[in-house]
Amino acid sequence: MLVRVIDDLAGLALSLRHGSDLEVVLGLEDLEKVIEALQTARLAVRASNTR
């Protein structure tokens, strides 16, 4: 995973399992939504690991 800043955008590059790469470029509003969703997912994964 690679994160880069391009002016007022954030680029998130991911390597896919089958040899391809994918880059998602997000503005601030969408970036905030992704961060919030990832934090929620992290909490859910942590909770499932404590069972």
N, C-alpha and C. Protein backbone atom coordinates (compact mmCIF):
# COMPACT_ATOMS: atom_id res chain seq x y z
N MET A 1 0.85 -1.17 0.00
CA MET A 1 0.00 0.00 0.00
C MET A 1 0.89 1.23 0.00
N LEU A 2 0.49 2.20 -0.75
CA LEU A 2 1.22 3.46 -0.86
C LEU A 2 0.21 4.60 -0.81
N VAL A 3 0.52 5.62 -0.04
CA VAL A 3 -0.34 6.81 0.03
C VAL A 3 0.51 8.00 -0.41
N ARG A 4 -0.06 8.80 -1.29
CA ARG A 4 0.66 10.00 -1.72
C ARG A 4 -0.30 11.17 -1.78
N VAL A 5 0.26 12.37 -1.63
CA VAL A 5 -0.53 13.60 -1.70
C VAL A 5 -0.23 14.28 -3.02
N ILE A 6 -1.30 14.64 -3.73
CA ILE A 6 -1.20 15.31 -5.02
C ILE A 6 -2.01 16.60 -4.90
N ASP A 7 -1.33 17.69 -4.64
CA ASP A 7 -2.00 18.97 -4.40
C ASP A 7 -3.02 18.82 -3.27
N ASP A 8 -4.32 18.92 -3.57
CA ASP A 8 -5.34 18.81 -2.51
C ASP A 8 -6.04 17.45 -2.55
N LEU A 9 -5.39 16.45 -3.11
CA LEU A 9 -5.95 15.10 -3.21
C LEU A 9 -5.01 14.11 -2.54
N ALA A 10 -5.57 12.98 -2.11
CA ALA A 10 -4.77 11.88 -1.58
C ALA A 10 -4.93 10.69 -2.51
N GLY A 11 -3.82 10.09 -2.88
CA GLY A 11 -3.85 8.89 -3.72
C GLY A 11 -3.51 7.68 -2.89
N LEU A 12 -4.32 6.65 -2.99
CA LEU A 12 -4.10 5.39 -2.27
C LEU A 12 -3.88 4.31 -3.31
N ALA A 13 -2.68 3.75 -3.34
CA ALA A 13 -2.35 2.71 -4.31
C ALA A 13 -2.30 1.36 -3.60
N LEU A 14 -2.97 0.39 -4.17
CA LEU A 14 -3.03 -0.96 -3.61
C LEU A 14 -2.59 -1.97 -4.66
N SER A 15 -1.87 -2.98 -4.23
CA SER A 15 -1.51 -4.09 -5.11
C SER A 15 -2.57 -5.16 -4.98
N LEU A 16 -3.13 -5.57 -6.10
CA LEU A 16 -4.15 -6.61 -6.10
C LEU A 16 -3.49 -7.98 -6.12
N ARG A 17 -4.21 -8.99 -5.74
CA ARG A 17 -3.66 -10.35 -5.64
C ARG A 17 -3.16 -10.90 -6.96
N HIS A 18 -3.73 -10.47 -8.05
CA HIS A 18 -3.39 -11.05 -9.35
C HIS A 18 -2.46 -10.16 -10.16
N GLY A 19 -1.55 -9.46 -9.50
CA GLY A 19 -0.49 -8.75 -10.19
C GLY A 19 -0.81 -7.35 -10.67
N SER A 20 -2.00 -6.89 -10.49
CA SER A 20 -2.36 -5.54 -10.93
C SER A 20 -2.30 -4.57 -9.76
N ASP A 21 -2.18 -3.32 -10.07
CA ASP A 21 -2.23 -2.27 -9.07
C ASP A 21 -3.45 -1.40 -9.33
N LEU A 22 -3.91 -0.77 -8.26
CA LEU A 22 -5.08 0.09 -8.34
C LEU A 22 -4.78 1.35 -7.55
N GLU A 23 -5.07 2.51 -8.10
CA GLU A 23 -4.91 3.74 -7.35
C GLU A 23 -6.26 4.45 -7.29
N VAL A 24 -6.63 4.84 -6.08
CA VAL A 24 -7.85 5.59 -5.85
C VAL A 24 -7.42 6.99 -5.40
N VAL A 25 -7.94 8.01 -6.06
CA VAL A 25 -7.60 9.39 -5.72
C VAL A 25 -8.83 10.02 -5.09
N LEU A 26 -8.63 10.57 -3.90
CA LEU A 26 -9.76 11.07 -3.10
C LEU A 26 -9.57 12.53 -2.71
N GLY A 27 -10.67 13.26 -2.75
CA GLY A 27 -10.69 14.60 -2.18
C GLY A 27 -10.90 14.49 -0.68
N LEU A 28 -10.83 15.61 -0.01
CA LEU A 28 -10.89 15.63 1.45
C LEU A 28 -12.16 14.98 2.00
N GLU A 29 -13.31 15.29 1.44
CA GLU A 29 -14.57 14.75 1.95
C GLU A 29 -14.62 13.22 1.83
N ASP A 30 -14.25 12.72 0.67
CA ASP A 30 -14.25 11.26 0.48
C ASP A 30 -13.16 10.60 1.33
N LEU A 31 -12.03 11.26 1.48
CA LEU A 31 -10.95 10.73 2.32
C LEU A 31 -11.43 10.58 3.76
N GLU A 32 -12.14 11.57 4.27
CA GLU A 32 -12.69 11.49 5.62
C GLU A 32 -13.65 10.31 5.76
N LYS A 33 -14.48 10.08 4.74
CA LYS A 33 -15.43 8.96 4.76
C LYS A 33 -14.69 7.62 4.78
N VAL A 34 -13.63 7.51 3.98
CA VAL A 34 -12.86 6.26 3.94
C VAL A 34 -12.18 6.01 5.28
N ILE A 35 -11.59 7.04 5.86
CA ILE A 35 -10.94 6.90 7.17
C ILE A 35 -11.94 6.45 8.22
N GLU A 36 -13.11 7.07 8.24
CA GLU A 36 -14.15 6.69 9.19
C GLU A 36 -14.58 5.23 9.00
N ALA A 37 -14.77 4.82 7.75
CA ALA A 37 -15.18 3.45 7.46
C ALA A 37 -14.09 2.46 7.88
N LEU A 38 -12.83 2.80 7.64
CA LEU A 38 -11.73 1.92 8.03
C LEU A 38 -11.61 1.82 9.55
N GLN A 39 -11.82 2.92 10.25
CA GLN A 39 -11.77 2.88 11.71
C GLN A 39 -12.90 2.01 12.27
N THR A 40 -14.08 2.10 11.68
CA THR A 40 -15.20 1.26 12.09
C THR A 40 -14.88 -0.22 11.83
N ALA A 41 -14.31 -0.50 10.68
CA ALA A 41 -13.93 -1.88 10.35
C ALA A 41 -12.87 -2.40 11.31
N ARG A 42 -11.91 -1.56 11.66
CA ARG A 42 -10.87 -1.97 12.60
C ARG A 42 -11.46 -2.35 13.94
N LEU A 43 -12.40 -1.57 14.43
CA LEU A 43 -13.07 -1.88 15.69
C LEU A 43 -13.81 -3.20 15.62
N ALA A 44 -14.47 -3.44 14.49
CA ALA A 44 -15.21 -4.71 14.32
C ALA A 44 -14.26 -5.89 14.29
N VAL A 45 -13.13 -5.75 13.61
CA VAL A 45 -12.16 -6.86 13.54
C VAL A 45 -11.57 -7.11 14.92
N ARG A 46 -11.23 -6.06 15.64
CA ARG A 46 -10.70 -6.22 17.00
C ARG A 46 -11.71 -6.92 17.90
N ALA A 47 -12.98 -6.53 17.78
CA ALA A 47 -14.02 -7.15 18.61
C ALA A 47 -14.18 -8.64 18.27
N SER A 48 -14.07 -8.99 17.00
CA SER A 48 -14.22 -10.39 16.62
C SER A 48 -13.02 -11.22 17.06
N ASN A 49 -11.87 -10.59 17.23
CA ASN A 49 -10.68 -11.31 17.67
C ASN A 49 -10.66 -11.55 19.18
N THR A 50 -11.50 -10.86 19.92
CA THR A 50 -11.52 -11.01 21.38
C THR A 50 -12.56 -12.01 21.83
N ARG A 51 -13.30 -12.59 20.91
CA ARG A 51 -14.34 -13.56 21.27
C ARG A 51 -13.75 -14.90 21.55
